[in-house]
Amino acid sequence: MRLTLGSEVSDIEQTKIFAQWTLDLGEGKVGCSNDGEATIDIPDDLLIADSPDPIPDLIDFVYPSIVDNSKQPNFFRERAILATKNDVLQEINDHLLSMFPGMKKNS
């Protein structure tokens, strides 16, 4: 319900299509049968293509104007970046921290 409240009909339909694709992916219905590893075709509209540095592009897509909006109460509640590996998440987190003045990573 929260995803569709106040949304346009086309946005609701796109959300439903993405939700179904995500469910199918999790249930192993996308791609071929596998033994724990598989190649999955990701729809073109979900890819960040032709980017020399996709992490900043991903962050900007998910968190537009993050520095300016970071103090908005619901800004982070409505967004998330998911990754399959911790090293990818670490790279995203490092880049996010570098965007905020005065923020420093403790090793």
PDB file of N, CA and C in Angstrom:
ATOM      1  N   MET A   1       0.816  -1.193   0.000  1.00  0.00           N
ATOM      2  CA  MET A   1       0.000   0.000   0.000  1.00  0.00           C
ATOM      3  C   MET A   1       0.859   1.256   0.000  1.00  0.00           C
ATOM      4  N   ARG A   2       1.932   1.266   0.786  1.00  0.00           N
ATOM      5  CA  ARG A   2       2.767   2.458   0.865  1.00  0.00           C
ATOM      6  C   ARG A   2       3.415   2.795  -0.470  1.00  0.00           C
ATOM      7  N   LEU A   3       3.718   1.780  -1.279  1.00  0.00           N
ATOM      8  CA  LEU A   3       4.371   2.031  -2.557  1.00  0.00           C
ATOM      9  C   LEU A   3       3.440   2.684  -3.567  1.00  0.00           C
ATOM     10  N   THR A   4       2.147   2.513  -3.410  1.00  0.00           N
ATOM     11  CA  THR A   4       1.222   3.010  -4.415  1.00  0.00           C
ATOM     12  C   THR A   4       0.457   4.256  -3.993  1.00  0.00           C
ATOM     13  N   LEU A   5       0.475   4.637  -2.762  1.00  0.00           N
ATOM     14  CA  LEU A   5      -0.275   5.783  -2.281  1.00  0.00           C
ATOM     15  C   LEU A   5       0.165   7.056  -2.990  1.00  0.00           C
ATOM     16  N   GLY A   6      -0.758   7.701  -3.700  1.00  0.00           N
ATOM     17  CA  GLY A   6      -0.460   8.949  -4.383  1.00  0.00           C
ATOM     18  C   GLY A   6       0.357   8.794  -5.659  1.00  0.00           C
ATOM     19  N   SER A   7       0.526   7.569  -6.138  1.00  0.00           N
ATOM     20  CA  SER A   7       1.325   7.327  -7.337  1.00  0.00           C
ATOM     21  C   SER A   7       0.456   7.333  -8.583  1.00  0.00           C
ATOM     22  N   GLU A   8       1.080   7.615  -9.708  1.00  0.00           N
ATOM     23  CA  GLU A   8       0.399   7.549 -10.999  1.00  0.00           C
ATOM     24  C   GLU A   8       0.157   6.077 -11.350  1.00  0.00           C
ATOM     25  N   VAL A   9      -0.850   5.825 -12.182  1.00  0.00           N
ATOM     26  CA  VAL A   9      -1.188   4.460 -12.586  1.00  0.00           C
ATOM     27  C   VAL A   9       0.005   3.776 -13.246  1.00  0.00           C
ATOM     28  N   SER A  10       0.749   4.490 -14.106  1.00  0.00           N
ATOM     29  CA  SER A  10       1.902   3.881 -14.779  1.00  0.00           C
ATOM     30  C   SER A  10       2.998   3.522 -13.782  1.00  0.00           C
ATOM     31  N   ASP A  11       3.187   4.348 -12.747  1.00  0.00           N
ATOM     32  CA  ASP A  11       4.182   4.049 -11.711  1.00  0.00           C
ATOM     33  C   ASP A  11       3.779   2.811 -10.914  1.00  0.00           C
ATOM     34  N   ILE A  12       2.495   2.691 -10.625  1.00  0.00           N
ATOM     35  CA  ILE A  12       1.993   1.527  -9.890  1.00  0.00           C
ATOM     36  C   ILE A  12       2.222   0.259 -10.706  1.00  0.00           C
ATOM     37  N   GLU A  13       1.944   0.328 -12.000  1.00  0.00           N
ATOM     38  CA  GLU A  13       2.133  -0.833 -12.866  1.00  0.00           C
ATOM     39  C   GLU A  13       3.614  -1.217 -12.950  1.00  0.00           C
ATOM     40  N   GLN A  14       4.492  -0.239 -13.074  1.00  0.00           N
ATOM     41  CA  GLN A  14       5.937  -0.520 -13.114  1.00  0.00           C
ATOM     42  C   GLN A  14       6.393  -1.139 -11.795  1.00  0.00           C
ATOM     43  N   THR A  15       5.861  -0.671 -10.681  1.00  0.00           N
ATOM     44  CA  THR A  15       6.210  -1.229  -9.373  1.00  0.00           C
ATOM     45  C   THR A  15       5.760  -2.684  -9.287  1.00  0.00           C
ATOM     46  N   LYS A  16       4.567  -2.978  -9.787  1.00  0.00           N
ATOM     47  CA  LYS A  16       4.067  -4.357  -9.780  1.00  0.00           C
ATOM     48  C   LYS A  16       4.943  -5.271 -10.637  1.00  0.00           C
ATOM     49  N   ILE A  17       5.332  -4.778 -11.823  1.00  0.00           N
ATOM     50  CA  ILE A  17       6.187  -5.575 -12.719  1.00  0.00           C
ATOM     51  C   ILE A  17       7.533  -5.848 -12.057  1.00  0.00           C
ATOM     52  N   PHE A  18       8.122  -4.817 -11.443  1.00  0.00           N
ATOM     53  CA  PHE A  18       9.407  -5.002 -10.768  1.00  0.00           C
ATOM     54  C   PHE A  18       9.270  -5.958  -9.587  1.00  0.00           C
ATOM     55  N   ALA A  19       8.201  -5.814  -8.806  1.00  0.00           N
ATOM     56  CA  ALA A  19       7.987  -6.697  -7.650  1.00  0.00           C
ATOM     57  C   ALA A  19       7.859  -8.149  -8.102  1.00  0.00           C
ATOM     58  N   GLN A  20       7.123  -8.379  -9.185  1.00  0.00           N
ATOM     59  CA  GLN A  20       6.968  -9.745  -9.688  1.00  0.00           C
ATOM     60  C   GLN A  20       8.299 -10.292 -10.190  1.00  0.00           C
ATOM     61  N   TRP A  21       9.079  -9.461 -10.896  1.00  0.00           N
ATOM     62  CA  TRP A  21      10.393  -9.901 -11.380  1.00  0.00           C
ATOM     63  C   TRP A  21      11.295 -10.262 -10.203  1.00  0.00           C
ATOM     64  N   THR A  22      11.251  -9.444  -9.155  1.00  0.00           N
ATOM     65  CA  THR A  22      12.068  -9.714  -7.968  1.00  0.00           C
ATOM     66  C   THR A  22      11.653 -11.022  -7.307  1.00  0.00           C
ATOM     67  N   LEU A  23      10.350 -11.251  -7.183  1.00  0.00           N
ATOM     68  CA  LEU A  23       9.862 -12.513  -6.608  1.00  0.00           C
ATOM     69  C   LEU A  23      10.285 -13.699  -7.472  1.00  0.00           C
ATOM     70  N   ASP A  24      10.121 -13.566  -8.777  1.00  0.00           N
ATOM     71  CA  ASP A  24      10.522 -14.644  -9.688  1.00  0.00           C
ATOM     72  C   ASP A  24      12.013 -14.923  -9.585  1.00  0.00           C
ATOM     73  N   LEU A  25      12.802 -13.889  -9.463  1.00  0.00           N
ATOM     74  CA  LEU A  25      14.249 -14.044  -9.304  1.00  0.00           C
ATOM     75  C   LEU A  25      14.560 -14.826  -8.033  1.00  0.00           C
ATOM     76  N   GLY A  26      13.944 -14.439  -6.931  1.00  0.00           N
ATOM     77  CA  GLY A  26      14.178 -15.118  -5.652  1.00  0.00           C
ATOM     78  C   GLY A  26      13.721 -16.562  -5.640  1.00  0.00           C
ATOM     79  N   GLU A  27      12.700 -16.865  -6.429  1.00  0.00           N
ATOM     80  CA  GLU A  27      12.176 -18.229  -6.485  1.00  0.00           C
ATOM     81  C   GLU A  27      12.853 -19.080  -7.559  1.00  0.00           C
ATOM     82  N   GLY A  28      13.870 -18.518  -8.217  1.00  0.00           N
ATOM     83  CA  GLY A  28      14.613 -19.271  -9.213  1.00  0.00           C
ATOM     84  C   GLY A  28      13.896 -19.427 -10.544  1.00  0.00           C
ATOM     85  N   LYS A  29      12.892 -18.597 -10.793  1.00  0.00           N
ATOM     86  CA  LYS A  29      12.139 -18.687 -12.049  1.00  0.00           C
ATOM     87  C   LYS A  29      12.776 -17.868 -13.164  1.00  0.00           C
ATOM     88  N   VAL A  30      13.769 -17.044 -12.849  1.00  0.00           N
ATOM     89  CA  VAL A  30      14.454 -16.225 -13.843  1.00  0.00           C
ATOM     90  C   VAL A  30      15.785 -16.896 -14.142  1.00  0.00           C
ATOM     91  N   GLY A  31      16.109 -17.063 -15.400  1.00  0.00           N
ATOM     92  CA  GLY A  31      17.359 -17.727 -15.770  1.00  0.00           C
ATOM     93  C   GLY A  31      17.152 -19.223 -15.865  1.00  0.00           C
ATOM     94  N   CYS A  32      18.259 -19.959 -15.846  1.00  0.00           N
ATOM     95  CA  CYS A  32      18.225 -21.410 -15.985  1.00  0.00           C
ATOM     96  C   CYS A  32      18.388 -22.067 -14.620  1.00  0.00           C
ATOM     97  N   SER A  33      18.123 -23.373 -14.577  1.00  0.00           N
ATOM     98  CA  SER A  33      18.392 -24.105 -13.340  1.00  0.00           C
ATOM     99  C   SER A  33      19.895 -24.076 -13.092  1.00  0.00           C
ATOM    100  N   ASN A  34      20.285 -24.086 -11.805  1.00  0.00           N
ATOM    101  CA  ASN A  34      21.702 -23.931 -11.504  1.00  0.00           C
ATOM    102  C   ASN A  34      22.072 -24.690 -10.251  1.00  0.00           C
ATOM    103  N   ASP A  35      23.365 -24.730  -9.975  1.00  0.00           N
ATOM    104  CA  ASP A  35      23.887 -25.400  -8.792  1.00  0.00           C
ATOM    105  C   ASP A  35      24.399 -24.385  -7.769  1.00  0.00           C
ATOM    106  N   GLY A  36      23.798 -23.220  -7.720  1.00  0.00           N
ATOM    107  CA  GLY A  36      24.230 -22.184  -6.790  1.00  0.00           C
ATOM    108  C   GLY A  36      24.789 -20.964  -7.492  1.00  0.00           C
ATOM    109  N   GLU A  37      25.139 -21.105  -8.757  1.00  0.00           N
ATOM    110  CA  GLU A  37      25.610 -19.974  -9.550  1.00  0.00           C
ATOM    111  C   GLU A  37      24.827 -19.952 -10.846  1.00  0.00           C
ATOM    112  N   ALA A  38      24.457 -18.742 -11.260  1.00  0.00           N
ATOM    113  CA  ALA A  38      23.687 -18.629 -12.498  1.00  0.00           C
ATOM    114  C   ALA A  38      23.911 -17.266 -13.113  1.00  0.00           C
ATOM    115  N   THR A  39      23.689 -17.188 -14.403  1.00  0.00           N
ATOM    116  CA  THR A  39      23.679 -15.913 -15.106  1.00  0.00           C
ATOM    117  C   THR A  39      22.231 -15.501 -15.253  1.00  0.00           C
ATOM    118  N   ILE A  40      21.929 -14.274 -14.837  1.00  0.00           N
ATOM    119  CA  ILE A  40      20.556 -13.775 -14.866  1.00  0.00           C
ATOM    120  C   ILE A  40      20.496 -12.569 -15.790  1.00  0.00           C
ATOM    121  N   ASP A  41      19.524 -12.555 -16.663  1.00  0.00           N
ATOM    122  CA  ASP A  41      19.304 -11.395 -17.513  1.00  0.00           C
ATOM    123  C   ASP A  41      18.538 -10.348 -16.721  1.00  0.00           C
ATOM    124  N   ILE A  42      19.155  -9.197 -16.521  1.00  0.00           N
ATOM    125  CA  ILE A  42      18.528  -8.091 -15.805  1.00  0.00           C
ATOM    126  C   ILE A  42      17.956  -7.143 -16.852  1.00  0.00           C
ATOM    127  N   PRO A  43      16.693  -6.737 -16.687  1.00  0.00           N
ATOM    128  CA  PRO A  43      16.098  -5.818 -17.664  1.00  0.00           C
ATOM    129  C   PRO A  43      16.933  -4.551 -17.821  1.00  0.00           C
ATOM    130  N   ASP A  44      17.024  -4.065 -19.058  1.00  0.00           N
ATOM    131  CA  ASP A  44      17.850  -2.899 -19.366  1.00  0.00           C
ATOM    132  C   ASP A  44      17.503  -1.680 -18.523  1.00  0.00           C
ATOM    133  N   ASP A  45      16.216  -1.499 -18.193  1.00  0.00           N
ATOM    134  CA  ASP A  45      15.830  -0.307 -17.437  1.00  0.00           C
ATOM    135  C   ASP A  45      16.300  -0.356 -15.985  1.00  0.00           C
ATOM    136  N   LEU A  46      16.852  -1.485 -15.537  1.00  0.00           N
ATOM    137  CA  LEU A  46      17.384  -1.595 -14.184  1.00  0.00           C
ATOM    138  C   LEU A  46      18.910  -1.473 -14.141  1.00  0.00           C
ATOM    139  N   LEU A  47      19.528  -1.351 -15.300  1.00  0.00           N
ATOM    140  CA  LEU A  47      20.988  -1.297 -15.378  1.00  0.00           C
ATOM    141  C   LEU A  47      21.505   0.129 -15.454  1.00  0.00           C
ATOM    142  N   ILE A  48      22.677   0.341 -14.870  1.00  0.00           N
ATOM    143  CA  ILE A  48      23.405   1.587 -15.070  1.00  0.00           C
ATOM    144  C   ILE A  48      24.434   1.254 -16.145  1.00  0.00           C
ATOM    145  N   ALA A  49      24.155   1.722 -17.357  1.00  0.00           N
ATOM    146  CA  ALA A  49      24.986   1.343 -18.497  1.00  0.00           C
ATOM    147  C   ALA A  49      25.972   2.444 -18.853  1.00  0.00           C
ATOM    148  N   ASP A  50      27.088   2.028 -19.413  1.00  0.00           N
ATOM    149  CA  ASP A  50      28.076   2.961 -19.955  1.00  0.00           C
ATOM    150  C   ASP A  50      28.518   4.025 -18.958  1.00  0.00           C
ATOM    151  N   SER A  51      28.800   3.624 -17.756  1.00  0.00           N
ATOM    152  CA  SER A  51      29.282   4.569 -16.752  1.00  0.00           C
ATOM    153  C   SER A  51      30.700   4.173 -16.358  1.00  0.00           C
ATOM    154  N   PRO A  52      31.637   5.115 -16.436  1.00  0.00           N
ATOM    155  CA  PRO A  52      33.002   4.785 -16.025  1.00  0.00           C
ATOM    156  C   PRO A  52      33.105   4.549 -14.520  1.00  0.00           C
ATOM    157  N   ASP A  53      32.188   5.119 -13.749  1.00  0.00           N
ATOM    158  CA  ASP A  53      32.183   4.941 -12.296  1.00  0.00           C
ATOM    159  C   ASP A  53      30.733   4.800 -11.833  1.00  0.00           C
ATOM    160  N   PRO A  54      30.174   3.578 -11.849  1.00  0.00           N
ATOM    161  CA  PRO A  54      28.749   3.394 -11.599  1.00  0.00           C
ATOM    162  C   PRO A  54      28.306   3.657 -10.158  1.00  0.00           C
ATOM    163  N   ILE A  55      29.212   3.581  -9.189  1.00  0.00           N
ATOM    164  CA  ILE A  55      28.796   3.768  -7.785  1.00  0.00           C
ATOM    165  C   ILE A  55      28.230   5.170  -7.551  1.00  0.00           C
ATOM    166  N   PRO A  56      28.918   6.248  -7.959  1.00  0.00           N
ATOM    167  CA  PRO A  56      28.303   7.570  -7.773  1.00  0.00           C
ATOM    168  C   PRO A  56      26.988   7.722  -8.539  1.00  0.00           C
ATOM    169  N   ASP A  57      26.887   7.106  -9.717  1.00  0.00           N
ATOM    170  CA  ASP A  57      25.642   7.165 -10.478  1.00  0.00           C
ATOM    171  C   ASP A  57      24.511   6.456  -9.732  1.00  0.00           C
ATOM    172  N   LEU A  58      24.816   5.307  -9.153  1.00  0.00           N
ATOM    173  CA  LEU A  58      23.832   4.562  -8.377  1.00  0.00           C
ATOM    174  C   LEU A  58      23.381   5.371  -7.163  1.00  0.00           C
ATOM    175  N   ILE A  59      24.339   5.940  -6.444  1.00  0.00           N
ATOM    176  CA  ILE A  59      24.013   6.743  -5.263  1.00  0.00           C
ATOM    177  C   ILE A  59      23.155   7.937  -5.652  1.00  0.00           C
ATOM    178  N   ASP A  60      23.504   8.600  -6.742  1.00  0.00           N
ATOM    179  CA  ASP A  60      22.734   9.760  -7.177  1.00  0.00           C
ATOM    180  C   ASP A  60      21.324   9.372  -7.606  1.00  0.00           C
ATOM    181  N   PHE A  61      21.175   8.178  -8.191  1.00  0.00           N
ATOM    182  CA  PHE A  61      19.854   7.710  -8.597  1.00  0.00           C
ATOM    183  C   PHE A  61      18.989   7.386  -7.381  1.00  0.00           C
ATOM    184  N   VAL A  62      19.550   6.665  -6.417  1.00  0.00           N
ATOM    185  CA  VAL A  62      18.784   6.235  -5.244  1.00  0.00           C
ATOM    186  C   VAL A  62      18.609   7.376  -4.240  1.00  0.00           C
ATOM    187  N   TYR A  63      19.650   8.177  -4.075  1.00  0.00           N
ATOM    188  CA  TYR A  63      19.631   9.280  -3.111  1.00  0.00           C
ATOM    189  C   TYR A  63      19.909  10.602  -3.825  1.00  0.00           C
ATOM    190  N   PRO A  64      18.940  11.121  -4.607  1.00  0.00           N
ATOM    191  CA  PRO A  64      19.204  12.374  -5.318  1.00  0.00           C
ATOM    192  C   PRO A  64      19.483  13.523  -4.350  1.00  0.00           C
ATOM    193  N   SER A  65      20.520  14.290  -4.637  1.00  0.00           N
ATOM    194  CA  SER A  65      20.921  15.434  -3.786  1.00  0.00           C
ATOM    195  C   SER A  65      21.023  15.011  -2.326  1.00  0.00           C
ATOM    196  N   ILE A  66      21.745  13.946  -2.073  1.00  0.00           N
ATOM    197  CA  ILE A  66      21.798  13.346  -0.740  1.00  0.00           C
ATOM    198  C   ILE A  66      22.259  14.322   0.345  1.00  0.00           C
ATOM    199  N   VAL A  67      23.257  15.126   0.049  1.00  0.00           N
ATOM    200  CA  VAL A  67      23.763  16.047   1.077  1.00  0.00           C
ATOM    201  C   VAL A  67      22.686  17.061   1.451  1.00  0.00           C
ATOM    202  N   ASP A  68      21.999  17.588   0.453  1.00  0.00           N
ATOM    203  CA  ASP A  68      20.941  18.570   0.716  1.00  0.00           C
ATOM    204  C   ASP A  68      19.724  17.948   1.392  1.00  0.00           C
ATOM    205  N   ASN A  69      19.410  16.710   1.060  1.00  0.00           N
ATOM    206  CA  ASN A  69      18.199  16.064   1.576  1.00  0.00           C
ATOM    207  C   ASN A  69      18.415  15.206   2.813  1.00  0.00           C
ATOM    208  N   SER A  70      19.650  15.066   3.259  1.00  0.00           N
ATOM    209  CA  SER A  70      19.946  14.132   4.350  1.00  0.00           C
ATOM    210  C   SER A  70      19.271  14.482   5.671  1.00  0.00           C
ATOM    211  N   LYS A  71      18.860  15.711   5.833  1.00  0.00           N
ATOM    212  CA  LYS A  71      18.200  16.107   7.078  1.00  0.00           C
ATOM    213  C   LYS A  71      16.678  15.973   7.004  1.00  0.00           C
ATOM    214  N   GLN A  72      16.165  15.565   5.850  1.00  0.00           N
ATOM    215  CA  GLN A  72      14.724  15.338   5.706  1.00  0.00           C
ATOM    216  C   GLN A  72      14.348  14.049   6.438  1.00  0.00           C
ATOM    217  N   PRO A  73      13.329  14.090   7.295  1.00  0.00           N
ATOM    218  CA  PRO A  73      13.000  12.929   8.139  1.00  0.00           C
ATOM    219  C   PRO A  73      12.738  11.625   7.391  1.00  0.00           C
ATOM    220  N   ASN A  74      12.104  11.669   6.235  1.00  0.00           N
ATOM    221  CA  ASN A  74      11.743  10.437   5.530  1.00  0.00           C
ATOM    222  C   ASN A  74      12.660  10.100   4.363  1.00  0.00           C
ATOM    223  N   PHE A  75      13.697  10.882   4.155  1.00  0.00           N
ATOM    224  CA  PHE A  75      14.540  10.698   2.973  1.00  0.00           C
ATOM    225  C   PHE A  75      15.152   9.296   2.916  1.00  0.00           C
ATOM    226  N   PHE A  76      15.750   8.825   3.986  1.00  0.00           N
ATOM    227  CA  PHE A  76      16.405   7.515   3.978  1.00  0.00           C
ATOM    228  C   PHE A  76      15.410   6.377   4.184  1.00  0.00           C
ATOM    229  N   ARG A  77      14.305   6.666   4.812  1.00  0.00           N
ATOM    230  CA  ARG A  77      13.301   5.638   5.074  1.00  0.00           C
ATOM    231  C   ARG A  77      12.722   5.100   3.779  1.00  0.00           C
ATOM    232  N   GLU A  78      12.684   5.908   2.738  1.00  0.00           N
ATOM    233  CA  GLU A  78      12.050   5.536   1.492  1.00  0.00           C
ATOM    234  C   GLU A  78      13.030   5.008   0.449  1.00  0.00           C
ATOM    235  N   ARG A  79      14.312   4.807   0.822  1.00  0.00           N
ATOM    236  CA  ARG A  79      15.319   4.417  -0.159  1.00  0.00           C
ATOM    237  C   ARG A  79      16.278   3.376   0.428  1.00  0.00           C
ATOM    238  N   ALA A  80      16.845   2.560  -0.452  1.00  0.00           N
ATOM    239  CA  ALA A  80      17.855   1.594  -0.013  1.00  0.00           C
ATOM    240  C   ALA A  80      18.660   1.120  -1.217  1.00  0.00           C
ATOM    241  N   ILE A  81      19.912   0.799  -0.968  1.00  0.00           N
ATOM    242  CA  ILE A  81      20.755   0.151  -1.965  1.00  0.00           C
ATOM    243  C   ILE A  81      21.080  -1.232  -1.409  1.00  0.00           C
ATOM    244  N   LEU A  82      20.768  -2.248  -2.184  1.00  0.00           N
ATOM    245  CA  LEU A  82      21.050  -3.625  -1.787  1.00  0.00           C
ATOM    246  C   LEU A  82      22.158  -4.180  -2.664  1.00  0.00           C
ATOM    247  N   ALA A  83      22.982  -5.014  -2.097  1.00  0.00           N
ATOM    248  CA  ALA A  83      24.057  -5.650  -2.866  1.00  0.00           C
ATOM    249  C   ALA A  83      24.231  -7.074  -2.368  1.00  0.00           C
ATOM    250  N   THR A  84      24.793  -7.905  -3.210  1.00  0.00           N
ATOM    251  CA  THR A  84      24.950  -9.313  -2.854  1.00  0.00           C
ATOM    252  C   THR A  84      26.237  -9.601  -2.096  1.00  0.00           C
ATOM    253  N   LYS A  85      27.181  -8.673  -2.122  1.00  0.00           N
ATOM    254  CA  LYS A  85      28.475  -8.922  -1.474  1.00  0.00           C
ATOM    255  C   LYS A  85      28.859  -7.759  -0.566  1.00  0.00           C
ATOM    256  N   ASN A  86      29.465  -8.093   0.557  1.00  0.00           N
ATOM    257  CA  ASN A  86      29.864  -7.070   1.534  1.00  0.00           C
ATOM    258  C   ASN A  86      30.901  -6.102   0.978  1.00  0.00           C
ATOM    259  N   ASP A  87      31.808  -6.578   0.108  1.00  0.00           N
ATOM    260  CA  ASP A  87      32.826  -5.667  -0.413  1.00  0.00           C
ATOM    261  C   ASP A  87      32.205  -4.585  -1.298  1.00  0.00           C
ATOM    262  N   VAL A  88      31.126  -4.909  -1.994  1.00  0.00           N
ATOM    263  CA  VAL A  88      30.419  -3.907  -2.792  1.00  0.00           C
ATOM    264  C   VAL A  88      29.748  -2.893  -1.866  1.00  0.00           C
ATOM    265  N   LEU A  89      29.106  -3.395  -0.808  1.00  0.00           N
ATOM    266  CA  LEU A  89      28.483  -2.490   0.163  1.00  0.00           C
ATOM    267  C   LEU A  89      29.518  -1.587   0.819  1.00  0.00           C
ATOM    268  N   GLN A  90      30.677  -2.129   1.109  1.00  0.00           N
ATOM    269  CA  GLN A  90      31.729  -1.327   1.729  1.00  0.00           C
ATOM    270  C   GLN A  90      32.171  -0.203   0.797  1.00  0.00           C
ATOM    271  N   GLU A  91      32.293  -0.509  -0.482  1.00  0.00           N
ATOM    272  CA  GLU A  91      32.676   0.513  -1.460  1.00  0.00           C
ATOM    273  C   GLU A  91      31.612   1.605  -1.561  1.00  0.00           C
ATOM    274  N   ILE A  92      30.345   1.197  -1.546  1.00  0.00           N
ATOM    275  CA  ILE A  92      29.245   2.169  -1.576  1.00  0.00           C
ATOM    276  C   ILE A  92      29.263   3.020  -0.309  1.00  0.00           C
ATOM    277  N   ASN A  93      29.403   2.390   0.841  1.00  0.00           N
ATOM    278  CA  ASN A  93      29.445   3.126   2.112  1.00  0.00           C
ATOM    279  C   ASN A  93      30.621   4.099   2.163  1.00  0.00           C
ATOM    280  N   ASP A  94      31.783   3.657   1.704  1.00  0.00           N
ATOM    281  CA  ASP A  94      32.954   4.542   1.687  1.00  0.00           C
ATOM    282  C   ASP A  94      32.693   5.773   0.823  1.00  0.00           C
ATOM    283  N   HIS A  95      32.085   5.547  -0.337  1.00  0.00           N
ATOM    284  CA  HIS A  95      31.797   6.678  -1.220  1.00  0.00           C
ATOM    285  C   HIS A  95      30.764   7.611  -0.586  1.00  0.00           C
ATOM    286  N   LEU A  96      29.734   7.043   0.020  1.00  0.00           N
ATOM    287  CA  LEU A  96      28.723   7.864   0.695  1.00  0.00           C
ATOM    288  C   LEU A  96      29.351   8.724   1.790  1.00  0.00           C
ATOM    289  N   LEU A  97      30.183   8.123   2.609  1.00  0.00           N
ATOM    290  CA  LEU A  97      30.831   8.884   3.690  1.00  0.00           C
ATOM    291  C   LEU A  97      31.708  10.001   3.145  1.00  0.00           C
ATOM    292  N   SER A  98      32.348   9.771   2.006  1.00  0.00           N
ATOM    293  CA  SER A  98      33.229  10.796   1.441  1.00  0.00           C
ATOM    294  C   SER A  98      32.442  12.008   0.935  1.00  0.00           C
ATOM    295  N   MET A  99      31.148  11.854   0.739  1.00  0.00           N
ATOM    296  CA  MET A  99      30.322  12.943   0.225  1.00  0.00           C
ATOM    297  C   MET A  99      29.946  13.971   1.295  1.00  0.00           C
ATOM    298  N   PHE A 100      30.029  13.578   2.550  1.00  0.00           N
ATOM    299  CA  PHE A 100      29.634  14.452   3.644  1.00  0.00           C
ATOM    300  C   PHE A 100      30.837  15.131   4.263  1.00  0.00           C
ATOM    301  N   PRO A 101      30.829  16.450   4.331  1.00  0.00           N
ATOM    302  CA  PRO A 101      31.961  17.152   4.948  1.00  0.00           C
ATOM    303  C   PRO A 101      32.084  16.774   6.423  1.00  0.00           C
ATOM    304  N   GLY A 102      33.306  16.554   6.847  1.00  0.00           N
ATOM    305  CA  GLY A 102      33.561  16.240   8.250  1.00  0.00           C
ATOM    306  C   GLY A 102      33.383  14.785   8.612  1.00  0.00           C
ATOM    307  N   MET A 103      32.854  13.969   7.692  1.00  0.00           N
ATOM    308  CA  MET A 103      32.686  12.552   7.966  1.00  0.00           C
ATOM    309  C   MET A 103      33.994  11.837   7.638  1.00  0.00           C
ATOM    310  N   LYS A 104      34.379  10.925   8.494  1.00  0.00           N
ATOM    311  CA  LYS A 104      35.646  10.236   8.320  1.00  0.00           C
ATOM    312  C   LYS A 104      35.462   8.777   8.666  1.00  0.00           C
ATOM    313  N   LYS A 105      36.044   7.889   7.889  1.00  0.00           N
ATOM    314  CA  LYS A 105      35.969   6.462   8.139  1.00  0.00           C
ATOM    315  C   LYS A 105      37.010   6.069   9.165  1.00  0.00           C
ATOM    316  N   ASN A 106      36.578   5.347  10.185  1.00  0.00           N
ATOM    317  CA  ASN A 106      37.511   4.797  11.180  1.00  0.00           C
ATOM    318  C   ASN A 106      37.892   3.389  10.731  1.00  0.00           C
ATOM    319  N   SER A 107      39.176   3.130  10.655  1.00  0.00           N
ATOM    320  CA  SER A 107      39.620   1.803  10.203  1.00  0.00           C
ATOM    321  C   SER A 107      39.722   0.841  11.340  1.00  0.00           C
TER     322      SER A 107
END
